[in-house]
């Protein structure tokens, strides 16, 4: 969706605040004895985000009709403020991850899962913004990601679906340099 500047940049404010509140509340709920397990869950879900990012980009953004049209627009106007509104991404996250985990495993587990996935999402939107708007130096991590993403945008949209990492592209045979 085409977003205004406030809508486009709101993720960069809202997500850190939500993550911080959930982390504090979740760690308090988990207690000192369970804090290490809570942190391991956050890290595991951060890693899980990289697979989620790959799957969403490859199968949702490039194949679901209305969403594909929006994503195709991003491929054409890559510097425009096209994105997912914060209220929608947070709502989907709450319905798909936070509330189901809370119902099954409790608030501490739900907060850990949510913090990990939302940290991954924040990492993704940050990297995605930087590779489209910044000019990283060669040969940095960001430069490598920018080059991979540019190949996806301008040479072959069936490759390089991972924005923050090439790991899943290598696993599934869609990586190109």
C-alpha atoms as a PDB file:
ATOM      1  CA  UNK A   1       0.000   0.000   0.000  1.00  0.00           C
ATOM      2  CA  UNK A   2       1.117   3.521  -0.632  1.00  0.00           C
ATOM      3  CA  UNK A   3       1.895   5.076   2.750  1.00  0.00           C
ATOM      4  CA  UNK A   4       2.510   8.651   3.795  1.00  0.00           C
ATOM      5  CA  UNK A   5       5.819   9.458   5.467  1.00  0.00           C
ATOM      6  CA  UNK A   6       4.368   9.016   8.973  1.00  0.00           C
ATOM      7  CA  UNK A   7       2.842   5.673   7.988  1.00  0.00           C
ATOM      8  CA  UNK A   8       6.064   4.531   6.340  1.00  0.00           C
ATOM      9  CA  UNK A   9       8.332   5.456   9.244  1.00  0.00           C
ATOM     10  CA  UNK A  10       5.960   4.525  12.090  1.00  0.00           C
ATOM     11  CA  UNK A  11       7.266   0.928  12.195  1.00  0.00           C
ATOM     12  CA  UNK A  12      10.668   2.295  13.206  1.00  0.00           C
ATOM     13  CA  UNK A  13       9.097   3.877  16.299  1.00  0.00           C
ATOM     14  CA  UNK A  14       6.220   1.564  17.178  1.00  0.00           C
ATOM     15  CA  UNK A  15       8.020  -1.779  16.907  1.00  0.00           C
ATOM     16  CA  UNK A  16      10.925  -0.876  19.242  1.00  0.00           C
ATOM     17  CA  UNK A  17       8.409   0.404  21.808  1.00  0.00           C
ATOM     18  CA  UNK A  18       6.215  -2.709  21.577  1.00  0.00           C
ATOM     19  CA  UNK A  19       9.271  -4.980  21.743  1.00  0.00           C
ATOM     20  CA  UNK A  20      10.605  -3.146  24.810  1.00  0.00           C
ATOM     21  CA  UNK A  21       7.266  -3.279  26.650  1.00  0.00           C
ATOM     22  CA  UNK A  22       6.767  -6.963  25.801  1.00  0.00           C
ATOM     23  CA  UNK A  23      10.339  -7.778  26.834  1.00  0.00           C
ATOM     24  CA  UNK A  24      10.017  -6.110  30.224  1.00  0.00           C
ATOM     25  CA  UNK A  25       6.582  -7.608  30.897  1.00  0.00           C
ATOM     26  CA  UNK A  26       7.629 -11.031  29.609  1.00  0.00           C
ATOM     27  CA  UNK A  27      10.812 -11.168  31.656  1.00  0.00           C
ATOM     28  CA  UNK A  28       8.916 -10.102  34.778  1.00  0.00           C
ATOM     29  CA  UNK A  29       6.333 -12.821  34.093  1.00  0.00           C
ATOM     30  CA  UNK A  30       9.032 -15.425  33.363  1.00  0.00           C
ATOM     31  CA  UNK A  31      10.945 -14.613  36.531  1.00  0.00           C
ATOM     32  CA  UNK A  32      14.653 -14.828  37.209  1.00  0.00           C
ATOM     33  CA  UNK A  33      14.820 -18.629  36.984  1.00  0.00           C
ATOM     34  CA  UNK A  34      13.149 -18.762  33.569  1.00  0.00           C
ATOM     35  CA  UNK A  35      14.849 -15.702  32.051  1.00  0.00           C
ATOM     36  CA  UNK A  36      17.554 -17.737  30.230  1.00  0.00           C
ATOM     37  CA  UNK A  37      14.880 -19.880  28.555  1.00  0.00           C
ATOM     38  CA  UNK A  38      12.954 -16.753  27.639  1.00  0.00           C
ATOM     39  CA  UNK A  39      16.068 -15.309  25.968  1.00  0.00           C
ATOM     40  CA  UNK A  40      16.740 -18.578  24.092  1.00  0.00           C
ATOM     41  CA  UNK A  41      13.162 -18.463  22.789  1.00  0.00           C
ATOM     42  CA  UNK A  42      13.642 -14.879  21.598  1.00  0.00           C
ATOM     43  CA  UNK A  43      16.834 -15.834  19.731  1.00  0.00           C
ATOM     44  CA  UNK A  44      15.206 -18.957  18.226  1.00  0.00           C
ATOM     45  CA  UNK A  45      12.273 -16.875  16.980  1.00  0.00           C
ATOM     46  CA  UNK A  46      14.630 -14.242  15.602  1.00  0.00           C
ATOM     47  CA  UNK A  47      16.242 -17.028  13.553  1.00  0.00           C
ATOM     48  CA  UNK A  48      12.771 -18.341  12.629  1.00  0.00           C
ATOM     49  CA  UNK A  49      11.977 -14.879  11.276  1.00  0.00           C
ATOM     50  CA  UNK A  50      14.608 -15.332   8.530  1.00  0.00           C
ATOM     51  CA  UNK A  51      12.690 -18.367   7.225  1.00  0.00           C
ATOM     52  CA  UNK A  52       9.385 -16.507   7.586  1.00  0.00           C
ATOM     53  CA  UNK A  53      10.821 -13.574   5.637  1.00  0.00           C
ATOM     54  CA  UNK A  54      11.965 -15.898   2.839  1.00  0.00           C
ATOM     55  CA  UNK A  55       8.635 -17.763   2.640  1.00  0.00           C
ATOM     56  CA  UNK A  56       6.556 -14.569   2.723  1.00  0.00           C
ATOM     57  CA  UNK A  57       8.672 -12.915   0.039  1.00  0.00           C
ATOM     58  CA  UNK A  58       8.855 -15.936  -2.252  1.00  0.00           C
ATOM     59  CA  UNK A  59       5.335 -17.320  -1.963  1.00  0.00           C
ATOM     60  CA  UNK A  60       3.101 -14.473  -0.757  1.00  0.00           C
ATOM     61  CA  UNK A  61       4.584 -11.299  -2.253  1.00  0.00           C
ATOM     62  CA  UNK A  62       5.211 -12.945  -5.633  1.00  0.00           C
ATOM     63  CA  UNK A  63       2.109 -15.142  -5.972  1.00  0.00           C
ATOM     64  CA  UNK A  64      -0.976 -13.903  -4.056  1.00  0.00           C
ATOM     65  CA  UNK A  65      -2.909 -11.753  -6.580  1.00  0.00           C
ATOM     66  CA  UNK A  66      -3.581  -8.389  -4.830  1.00  0.00           C
ATOM     67  CA  UNK A  67      -0.378  -8.584  -2.790  1.00  0.00           C
ATOM     68  CA  UNK A  68       1.664  -9.470  -5.887  1.00  0.00           C
ATOM     69  CA  UNK A  69       0.366  -6.325  -7.622  1.00  0.00           C
ATOM     70  CA  UNK A  70       1.481  -4.180  -4.684  1.00  0.00           C
ATOM     71  CA  UNK A  71       4.865  -5.893  -4.598  1.00  0.00           C
ATOM     72  CA  UNK A  72       5.289  -5.502  -8.361  1.00  0.00           C
ATOM     73  CA  UNK A  73       4.755  -1.777  -7.815  1.00  0.00           C
ATOM     74  CA  UNK A  74       7.579  -1.848  -5.250  1.00  0.00           C
ATOM     75  CA  UNK A  75       9.824  -3.470  -7.865  1.00  0.00           C
ATOM     76  CA  UNK A  76       9.093  -0.559 -10.208  1.00  0.00           C
ATOM     77  CA  UNK A  77       9.073   2.278  -7.642  1.00  0.00           C
ATOM     78  CA  UNK A  78      11.551   0.860  -5.157  1.00  0.00           C
ATOM     79  CA  UNK A  79      12.231   4.143  -3.358  1.00  0.00           C
ATOM     80  CA  UNK A  80       8.581   5.075  -2.842  1.00  0.00           C
ATOM     81  CA  UNK A  81       6.881   4.643   0.509  1.00  0.00           C
ATOM     82  CA  UNK A  82       5.038   1.427  -0.358  1.00  0.00           C
ATOM     83  CA  UNK A  83       4.664  -0.911   2.588  1.00  0.00           C
ATOM     84  CA  UNK A  84       2.453  -2.565   5.151  1.00  0.00           C
ATOM     85  CA  UNK A  85       0.740  -0.244   7.623  1.00  0.00           C
ATOM     86  CA  UNK A  86       1.917  -0.755  11.200  1.00  0.00           C
ATOM     87  CA  UNK A  87      -1.605  -1.484  12.450  1.00  0.00           C
ATOM     88  CA  UNK A  88      -1.927  -4.293   9.881  1.00  0.00           C
ATOM     89  CA  UNK A  89       1.456  -5.930  10.521  1.00  0.00           C
ATOM     90  CA  UNK A  90       0.962  -5.746  14.303  1.00  0.00           C
ATOM     91  CA  UNK A  91      -2.586  -7.080  13.969  1.00  0.00           C
ATOM     92  CA  UNK A  92      -1.463 -10.037  11.871  1.00  0.00           C
ATOM     93  CA  UNK A  93       1.354 -10.732  14.304  1.00  0.00           C
ATOM     94  CA  UNK A  94      -1.045 -10.645  17.255  1.00  0.00           C
ATOM     95  CA  UNK A  95      -3.516 -13.002  15.559  1.00  0.00           C
ATOM     96  CA  UNK A  96      -0.966 -15.438  14.121  1.00  0.00           C
ATOM     97  CA  UNK A  97       1.687 -15.550  16.854  1.00  0.00           C
ATOM     98  CA  UNK A  98       1.058 -13.670  20.095  1.00  0.00           C
ATOM     99  CA  UNK A  99      -2.495 -14.703  21.042  1.00  0.00           C
ATOM    100  CA  UNK A 100      -2.232 -18.359  19.930  1.00  0.00           C
ATOM    101  CA  UNK A 101       1.022 -18.849  21.892  1.00  0.00           C
ATOM    102  CA  UNK A 102      -0.464 -17.042  24.906  1.00  0.00           C
ATOM    103  CA  UNK A 103      -3.504 -19.322  24.878  1.00  0.00           C
ATOM    104  CA  UNK A 104      -1.353 -22.461  24.655  1.00  0.00           C
ATOM    105  CA  UNK A 105       1.768 -21.573  26.654  1.00  0.00           C
ATOM    106  CA  UNK A 106       1.137 -18.402  28.651  1.00  0.00           C
ATOM    107  CA  UNK A 107       2.160 -14.781  28.504  1.00  0.00           C
ATOM    108  CA  UNK A 108       5.892 -15.277  29.099  1.00  0.00           C
ATOM    109  CA  UNK A 109       6.221 -17.633  26.133  1.00  0.00           C
ATOM    110  CA  UNK A 110       4.025 -15.410  23.937  1.00  0.00           C
ATOM    111  CA  UNK A 111       6.115 -12.358  24.773  1.00  0.00           C
ATOM    112  CA  UNK A 112       9.353 -14.213  23.979  1.00  0.00           C
ATOM    113  CA  UNK A 113       8.048 -15.537  20.655  1.00  0.00           C
ATOM    114  CA  UNK A 114       6.675 -12.099  19.781  1.00  0.00           C
ATOM    115  CA  UNK A 115       9.860 -10.271  20.728  1.00  0.00           C
ATOM    116  CA  UNK A 116      11.940 -12.621  18.578  1.00  0.00           C
ATOM    117  CA  UNK A 117       9.662 -12.396  15.548  1.00  0.00           C
ATOM    118  CA  UNK A 118       9.208  -8.642  15.884  1.00  0.00           C
ATOM    119  CA  UNK A 119      12.959  -8.103  16.278  1.00  0.00           C
ATOM    120  CA  UNK A 120      13.354 -10.073  13.052  1.00  0.00           C
ATOM    121  CA  UNK A 121      10.713  -7.957  11.348  1.00  0.00           C
ATOM    122  CA  UNK A 122      12.333  -4.749  12.597  1.00  0.00           C
ATOM    123  CA  UNK A 123      15.706  -6.006  11.320  1.00  0.00           C
ATOM    124  CA  UNK A 124      14.090  -6.813   7.967  1.00  0.00           C
ATOM    125  CA  UNK A 125      12.347  -3.443   7.486  1.00  0.00           C
ATOM    126  CA  UNK A 126      15.499  -1.625   8.581  1.00  0.00           C
ATOM    127  CA  UNK A 127      17.745  -3.529   6.166  1.00  0.00           C
ATOM    128  CA  UNK A 128      15.176  -3.226   3.378  1.00  0.00           C
ATOM    129  CA  UNK A 129      14.951   0.524   3.884  1.00  0.00           C
ATOM    130  CA  UNK A 130      18.743   0.898   3.992  1.00  0.00           C
ATOM    131  CA  UNK A 131      19.394  -1.114   0.824  1.00  0.00           C
ATOM    132  CA  UNK A 132      16.896   1.020  -1.089  1.00  0.00           C
ATOM    133  CA  UNK A 133      17.846   4.418   0.340  1.00  0.00           C
ATOM    134  CA  UNK A 134      21.484   4.265   1.449  1.00  0.00           C
ATOM    135  CA  UNK A 135      24.737   3.888  -0.470  1.00  0.00           C
ATOM    136  CA  UNK A 136      26.791   1.354   1.518  1.00  0.00           C
ATOM    137  CA  UNK A 137      30.514   0.995   1.011  1.00  0.00           C
ATOM    138  CA  UNK A 138      31.983  -1.994  -0.793  1.00  0.00           C
ATOM    139  CA  UNK A 139      32.455  -4.767   0.515  1.00  0.00           C
ATOM    140  CA  UNK A 140      30.238  -4.410   3.585  1.00  0.00           C
ATOM    141  CA  UNK A 141      27.397  -6.659   4.792  1.00  0.00           C
ATOM    142  CA  UNK A 142      24.902  -4.021   3.660  1.00  0.00           C
ATOM    143  CA  UNK A 143      26.558  -3.684   0.242  1.00  0.00           C
ATOM    144  CA  UNK A 144      26.330  -7.447  -0.285  1.00  0.00           C
ATOM    145  CA  UNK A 145      22.645  -7.444   0.655  1.00  0.00           C
ATOM    146  CA  UNK A 146      21.987  -4.442  -1.592  1.00  0.00           C
ATOM    147  CA  UNK A 147      23.660  -6.186  -4.535  1.00  0.00           C
ATOM    148  CA  UNK A 148      21.681  -9.400  -3.970  1.00  0.00           C
ATOM    149  CA  UNK A 149      18.420  -7.466  -3.665  1.00  0.00           C
ATOM    150  CA  UNK A 150      19.181  -5.418  -6.789  1.00  0.00           C
ATOM    151  CA  UNK A 151      19.586  -8.676  -8.742  1.00  0.00           C
ATOM    152  CA  UNK A 152      16.171  -9.744  -7.439  1.00  0.00           C
ATOM    153  CA  UNK A 153      14.611  -6.414  -8.489  1.00  0.00           C
ATOM    154  CA  UNK A 154      16.302  -5.835 -11.821  1.00  0.00           C
ATOM    155  CA  UNK A 155      17.619  -9.122 -13.237  1.00  0.00           C
ATOM    156  CA  UNK A 156      15.483 -12.051 -12.054  1.00  0.00           C
ATOM    157  CA  UNK A 157      12.622 -11.868  -9.556  1.00  0.00           C
ATOM    158  CA  UNK A 158      12.803 -15.652  -9.025  1.00  0.00           C
ATOM    159  CA  UNK A 159      16.055 -15.404  -7.065  1.00  0.00           C
ATOM    160  CA  UNK A 160      17.385 -13.851  -3.830  1.00  0.00           C
ATOM    161  CA  UNK A 161      14.194 -13.713  -1.763  1.00  0.00           C
ATOM    162  CA  UNK A 162      16.056 -13.323   1.529  1.00  0.00           C
ATOM    163  CA  UNK A 163      16.557  -9.640   2.278  1.00  0.00           C
ATOM    164  CA  UNK A 164      18.503  -9.935   5.551  1.00  0.00           C
ATOM    165  CA  UNK A 165      20.349 -13.147   4.718  1.00  0.00           C
ATOM    166  CA  UNK A 166      21.187 -15.454   1.816  1.00  0.00           C
ATOM    167  CA  UNK A 167      20.914 -18.556   4.030  1.00  0.00           C
ATOM    168  CA  UNK A 168      17.456 -19.773   2.953  1.00  0.00           C
ATOM    169  CA  UNK A 169      18.154 -18.876  -0.686  1.00  0.00           C
ATOM    170  CA  UNK A 170      21.145 -21.212  -0.496  1.00  0.00           C
ATOM    171  CA  UNK A 171      19.093 -23.931   1.211  1.00  0.00           C
ATOM    172  CA  UNK A 172      16.303 -23.762  -1.405  1.00  0.00           C
ATOM    173  CA  UNK A 173      18.512 -23.129  -4.444  1.00  0.00           C
ATOM    174  CA  UNK A 174      17.368 -19.577  -5.200  1.00  0.00           C
ATOM    175  CA  UNK A 175      20.638 -17.787  -4.347  1.00  0.00           C
ATOM    176  CA  UNK A 176      22.523 -15.899  -7.058  1.00  0.00           C
ATOM    177  CA  UNK A 177      25.410 -13.490  -6.645  1.00  0.00           C
END
